[in-house]
Amino acid sequence: MCLAVPGRVLDIEERDGARMATVDFGGVVKEVCLEYLPDLQVGEYAIVHVGFALQRLDEESARHTLELFAELGMLQEEFGDAWEMAAAEAGSDPMEEVRNQ
């Protein structure tokens, strides 16, 4: 599933002609394009979908949504390591093989 997730802008920079931000999604930090929200500022929250900030969001709504997503395990599903999740579903520990080598 692909969610639109609220995140807080940590910093903003111009990169290759595009306005980009480092965004914190409840502890997971990703790079996000701000071209759809050119006036978004550091410290503000936005709804992000597939790497694009789409809509400004107030802090209370963002925090509440992130808490709900975390409780439901949706942040791990959206941002977690795909190899780790596949191994967990298969019932194996991917790091066990590394430790045994």
N, C-alpha and C. Protein backbone atom coordinates (compact mmCIF):
# COMPACT_ATOMS: atom_id res chain seq x y z
N MET A 1 0.84 -1.16 0.00
CA MET A 1 0.00 0.00 0.00
C MET A 1 0.89 1.23 0.00
N CYS A 2 0.45 2.28 -0.64
CA CYS A 2 1.21 3.51 -0.69
C CYS A 2 0.38 4.60 -0.04
N LEU A 3 0.88 5.15 1.06
CA LEU A 3 0.15 6.13 1.84
C LEU A 3 0.62 7.54 1.55
N ALA A 4 -0.24 8.50 1.87
CA ALA A 4 0.17 9.90 1.95
C ALA A 4 0.42 10.12 3.44
N VAL A 5 1.65 10.46 3.79
CA VAL A 5 2.08 10.50 5.18
C VAL A 5 2.48 11.92 5.57
N PRO A 6 2.06 12.39 6.75
CA PRO A 6 2.49 13.71 7.19
C PRO A 6 3.93 13.69 7.68
N GLY A 7 4.66 14.75 7.36
CA GLY A 7 6.04 14.86 7.80
C GLY A 7 6.40 16.30 8.10
N ARG A 8 7.43 16.48 8.94
CA ARG A 8 7.90 17.81 9.34
C ARG A 8 9.17 18.15 8.57
N VAL A 9 9.20 19.33 7.98
CA VAL A 9 10.34 19.78 7.20
C VAL A 9 11.49 20.14 8.14
N LEU A 10 12.64 19.49 7.93
CA LEU A 10 13.82 19.75 8.74
C LEU A 10 14.74 20.78 8.10
N ASP A 11 14.93 20.69 6.80
CA ASP A 11 15.71 21.69 6.07
C ASP A 11 15.30 21.69 4.61
N ILE A 12 15.66 22.78 3.94
CA ILE A 12 15.28 22.97 2.54
C ILE A 12 16.50 23.44 1.76
N GLU A 13 16.63 22.92 0.54
CA GLU A 13 17.72 23.36 -0.34
C GLU A 13 17.28 23.24 -1.79
N GLU A 14 17.97 23.98 -2.63
CA GLU A 14 17.76 23.90 -4.08
C GLU A 14 18.70 22.83 -4.61
N ARG A 15 18.16 21.87 -5.35
CA ARG A 15 19.00 20.81 -5.89
C ARG A 15 18.59 20.53 -7.33
N ASP A 16 19.52 20.71 -8.25
CA ASP A 16 19.28 20.48 -9.68
C ASP A 16 18.04 21.23 -10.17
N GLY A 17 17.86 22.45 -9.69
CA GLY A 17 16.74 23.27 -10.13
C GLY A 17 15.41 22.98 -9.44
N ALA A 18 15.41 22.08 -8.48
CA ALA A 18 14.18 21.74 -7.76
C ALA A 18 14.33 22.07 -6.27
N ARG A 19 13.27 22.53 -5.66
CA ARG A 19 13.27 22.81 -4.23
C ARG A 19 13.03 21.49 -3.50
N MET A 20 14.02 21.06 -2.71
CA MET A 20 13.97 19.78 -2.01
C MET A 20 14.07 20.00 -0.51
N ALA A 21 13.49 19.06 0.25
CA ALA A 21 13.51 19.15 1.71
C ALA A 21 13.87 17.81 2.32
N THR A 22 14.49 17.88 3.48
CA THR A 22 14.67 16.71 4.32
C THR A 22 13.48 16.73 5.27
N VAL A 23 12.71 15.62 5.29
CA VAL A 23 11.46 15.57 6.04
C VAL A 23 11.48 14.40 7.01
N ASP A 24 11.01 14.67 8.23
CA ASP A 24 10.94 13.66 9.29
C ASP A 24 9.51 13.13 9.37
N PHE A 25 9.37 11.82 9.19
CA PHE A 25 8.09 11.14 9.27
C PHE A 25 8.08 10.30 10.55
N GLY A 26 8.00 10.95 11.68
CA GLY A 26 7.95 10.23 12.95
C GLY A 26 9.18 9.39 13.21
N GLY A 27 10.36 9.91 12.86
CA GLY A 27 11.60 9.19 13.10
C GLY A 27 12.26 8.65 11.84
N VAL A 28 11.53 8.57 10.76
CA VAL A 28 12.09 8.15 9.47
C VAL A 28 12.31 9.42 8.65
N VAL A 29 13.52 9.63 8.18
CA VAL A 29 13.86 10.85 7.45
C VAL A 29 14.06 10.52 5.97
N LYS A 30 13.40 11.29 5.12
CA LYS A 30 13.46 11.08 3.67
C LYS A 30 13.60 12.42 2.96
N GLU A 31 14.07 12.36 1.71
CA GLU A 31 14.13 13.55 0.86
C GLU A 31 12.80 13.69 0.12
N VAL A 32 12.31 14.93 0.03
CA VAL A 32 10.99 15.20 -0.54
C VAL A 32 11.08 16.42 -1.46
N CYS A 33 10.37 16.35 -2.57
CA CYS A 33 10.29 17.47 -3.50
C CYS A 33 9.20 18.44 -3.04
N LEU A 34 9.51 19.75 -3.02
CA LEU A 34 8.57 20.78 -2.58
C LEU A 34 7.98 21.59 -3.72
N GLU A 35 8.12 21.15 -4.93
CA GLU A 35 7.67 21.94 -6.08
C GLU A 35 6.17 22.25 -6.05
N TYR A 36 5.36 21.39 -5.46
CA TYR A 36 3.90 21.65 -5.38
C TYR A 36 3.55 22.59 -4.23
N LEU A 37 4.48 22.79 -3.29
CA LEU A 37 4.28 23.70 -2.16
C LEU A 37 5.50 24.62 -2.05
N PRO A 38 5.66 25.54 -2.99
CA PRO A 38 6.87 26.35 -3.04
C PRO A 38 7.08 27.27 -1.83
N ASP A 39 6.03 27.55 -1.06
CA ASP A 39 6.18 28.45 0.09
C ASP A 39 6.29 27.69 1.42
N LEU A 40 6.37 26.36 1.40
CA LEU A 40 6.52 25.58 2.63
C LEU A 40 7.85 25.91 3.28
N GLN A 41 7.85 26.05 4.61
CA GLN A 41 9.03 26.48 5.34
C GLN A 41 9.51 25.41 6.32
N VAL A 42 10.76 25.52 6.76
CA VAL A 42 11.33 24.63 7.77
C VAL A 42 10.45 24.70 9.02
N GLY A 43 10.16 23.53 9.59
CA GLY A 43 9.33 23.44 10.78
C GLY A 43 7.86 23.18 10.49
N GLU A 44 7.43 23.41 9.26
CA GLU A 44 6.03 23.17 8.90
C GLU A 44 5.83 21.70 8.54
N TYR A 45 4.58 21.28 8.55
CA TYR A 45 4.20 19.90 8.21
C TYR A 45 3.50 19.88 6.87
N ALA A 46 3.67 18.76 6.17
CA ALA A 46 2.99 18.57 4.89
C ALA A 46 2.63 17.11 4.73
N ILE A 47 1.59 16.87 3.94
CA ILE A 47 1.23 15.52 3.53
C ILE A 47 2.12 15.19 2.34
N VAL A 48 2.80 14.05 2.40
CA VAL A 48 3.73 13.65 1.34
C VAL A 48 3.28 12.33 0.74
N HIS A 49 3.28 12.29 -0.58
CA HIS A 49 2.94 11.06 -1.30
C HIS A 49 3.97 10.85 -2.40
N VAL A 50 4.51 9.67 -2.48
CA VAL A 50 5.54 9.27 -3.45
C VAL A 50 6.63 10.32 -3.63
N GLY A 51 7.08 10.90 -2.53
CA GLY A 51 8.20 11.82 -2.55
C GLY A 51 7.88 13.26 -2.87
N PHE A 52 6.58 13.61 -2.94
CA PHE A 52 6.17 14.98 -3.22
C PHE A 52 5.29 15.50 -2.09
N ALA A 53 5.63 16.68 -1.57
CA ALA A 53 4.79 17.35 -0.59
C ALA A 53 3.58 17.90 -1.34
N LEU A 54 2.38 17.50 -0.91
CA LEU A 54 1.17 17.86 -1.65
C LEU A 54 0.29 18.88 -0.97
N GLN A 55 0.29 18.88 0.37
CA GLN A 55 -0.61 19.77 1.10
C GLN A 55 -0.03 20.10 2.46
N ARG A 56 -0.12 21.37 2.85
CA ARG A 56 0.32 21.82 4.18
C ARG A 56 -0.66 21.25 5.22
N LEU A 57 -0.13 20.94 6.40
CA LEU A 57 -0.93 20.35 7.46
C LEU A 57 -0.53 20.97 8.79
N ASP A 58 -1.51 21.18 9.69
CA ASP A 58 -1.18 21.74 10.99
C ASP A 58 -0.50 20.67 11.86
N GLU A 59 0.30 21.11 12.82
CA GLU A 59 1.11 20.21 13.63
C GLU A 59 0.27 19.20 14.40
N GLU A 60 -0.83 19.63 14.99
CA GLU A 60 -1.67 18.71 15.77
C GLU A 60 -2.21 17.57 14.92
N SER A 61 -2.71 17.89 13.75
CA SER A 61 -3.23 16.85 12.84
C SER A 61 -2.13 15.91 12.39
N ALA A 62 -0.95 16.47 12.09
CA ALA A 62 0.17 15.65 11.65
C ALA A 62 0.60 14.67 12.74
N ARG A 63 0.76 15.18 13.96
CA ARG A 63 1.19 14.31 15.06
C ARG A 63 0.16 13.22 15.36
N HIS A 64 -1.11 13.58 15.33
CA HIS A 64 -2.18 12.60 15.58
C HIS A 64 -2.16 11.51 14.52
N THR A 65 -2.02 11.89 13.26
CA THR A 65 -1.99 10.92 12.17
C THR A 65 -0.77 10.01 12.28
N LEU A 66 0.40 10.59 12.58
CA LEU A 66 1.61 9.78 12.73
C LEU A 66 1.47 8.78 13.87
N GLU A 67 0.85 9.20 14.98
CA GLU A 67 0.63 8.29 16.11
C GLU A 67 -0.27 7.12 15.70
N LEU A 68 -1.34 7.43 14.97
CA LEU A 68 -2.25 6.37 14.51
C LEU A 68 -1.54 5.42 13.55
N PHE A 69 -0.78 5.96 12.61
CA PHE A 69 -0.04 5.12 11.67
C PHE A 69 0.94 4.22 12.42
N ALA A 70 1.63 4.77 13.41
CA ALA A 70 2.60 3.98 14.19
C ALA A 70 1.89 2.86 14.95
N GLU A 71 0.75 3.16 15.58
CA GLU A 71 -0.01 2.14 16.31
C GLU A 71 -0.45 1.00 15.40
N LEU A 72 -0.80 1.34 14.18
CA LEU A 72 -1.27 0.34 13.22
C LEU A 72 -0.13 -0.34 12.48
N GLY A 73 1.10 0.09 12.72
CA GLY A 73 2.24 -0.50 12.03
C GLY A 73 2.38 -0.04 10.60
N MET A 74 1.68 1.02 10.24
CA MET A 74 1.68 1.46 8.85
C MET A 74 2.95 2.21 8.48
N LEU A 75 3.62 2.85 9.46
CA LEU A 75 4.87 3.53 9.14
C LEU A 75 5.94 2.51 8.79
N GLN A 76 5.98 1.41 9.52
CA GLN A 76 6.95 0.36 9.21
C GLN A 76 6.65 -0.24 7.84
N GLU A 77 5.36 -0.42 7.55
CA GLU A 77 4.98 -0.97 6.26
C GLU A 77 5.38 -0.03 5.12
N GLU A 78 5.20 1.27 5.34
CA GLU A 78 5.49 2.25 4.30
C GLU A 78 6.99 2.51 4.16
N PHE A 79 7.72 2.60 5.29
CA PHE A 79 9.12 3.01 5.25
C PHE A 79 10.11 1.94 5.66
N GLY A 80 9.62 0.80 6.11
CA GLY A 80 10.52 -0.25 6.59
C GLY A 80 11.34 -0.87 5.48
N ASP A 81 12.36 -1.59 5.87
CA ASP A 81 13.24 -2.28 4.94
C ASP A 81 12.48 -3.45 4.30
N ALA A 82 12.34 -3.44 2.99
CA ALA A 82 11.56 -4.47 2.28
C ALA A 82 12.14 -5.87 2.49
N TRP A 83 13.48 -6.00 2.51
CA TRP A 83 14.11 -7.30 2.71
C TRP A 83 13.82 -7.82 4.11
N GLU A 84 13.91 -6.94 5.09
CA GLU A 84 13.65 -7.32 6.47
C GLU A 84 12.21 -7.78 6.64
N MET A 85 11.26 -7.03 6.04
CA MET A 85 9.84 -7.39 6.15
C MET A 85 9.55 -8.72 5.47
N ALA A 86 10.15 -8.96 4.30
CA ALA A 86 9.94 -10.22 3.59
C ALA A 86 10.47 -11.39 4.41
N ALA A 87 11.64 -11.20 5.02
CA ALA A 87 12.22 -12.26 5.85
C ALA A 87 11.34 -12.53 7.07
N ALA A 88 10.80 -11.47 7.66
CA ALA A 88 9.93 -11.65 8.83
C ALA A 88 8.68 -12.42 8.45
N GLU A 89 8.11 -12.10 7.29
CA GLU A 89 6.93 -12.83 6.82
C GLU A 89 7.25 -14.29 6.54
N ALA A 90 8.48 -14.56 6.09
CA ALA A 90 8.90 -15.93 5.79
C ALA A 90 9.32 -16.68 7.06
N GLY A 91 9.43 -15.92 8.17
CA GLY A 91 9.78 -16.56 9.44
C GLY A 91 11.27 -16.74 9.65
N SER A 92 12.09 -15.93 8.96
CA SER A 92 13.53 -16.03 9.15
C SER A 92 14.10 -14.69 9.56
N ASP A 93 15.30 -14.71 10.13
CA ASP A 93 15.99 -13.51 10.55
C ASP A 93 17.12 -13.25 9.56
N PRO A 94 17.04 -12.18 8.73
CA PRO A 94 18.08 -11.95 7.73
C PRO A 94 19.45 -11.69 8.33
N MET A 95 19.52 -11.19 9.53
CA MET A 95 20.81 -10.91 10.16
C MET A 95 21.44 -12.18 10.73
N GLU A 96 20.65 -13.22 10.95
CA GLU A 96 21.20 -14.48 11.47
C GLU A 96 22.21 -15.06 10.51
N GLU A 97 21.91 -15.02 9.21
CA GLU A 97 22.84 -15.54 8.22
C GLU A 97 24.13 -14.76 8.22
N VAL A 98 24.04 -13.43 8.36
CA VAL A 98 25.23 -12.59 8.39
C VAL A 98 26.08 -12.93 9.61
N ARG A 99 25.45 -13.10 10.77
CA ARG A 99 26.17 -13.41 12.00
C ARG A 99 26.85 -14.79 11.93
N ASN A 100 26.25 -15.72 11.20
CA ASN A 100 26.79 -17.08 11.12
C ASN A 100 27.91 -17.23 10.10
N GLN A 101 28.18 -16.21 9.34
CA GLN A 101 29.23 -16.29 8.31
C GLN A 101 30.59 -16.05 8.90
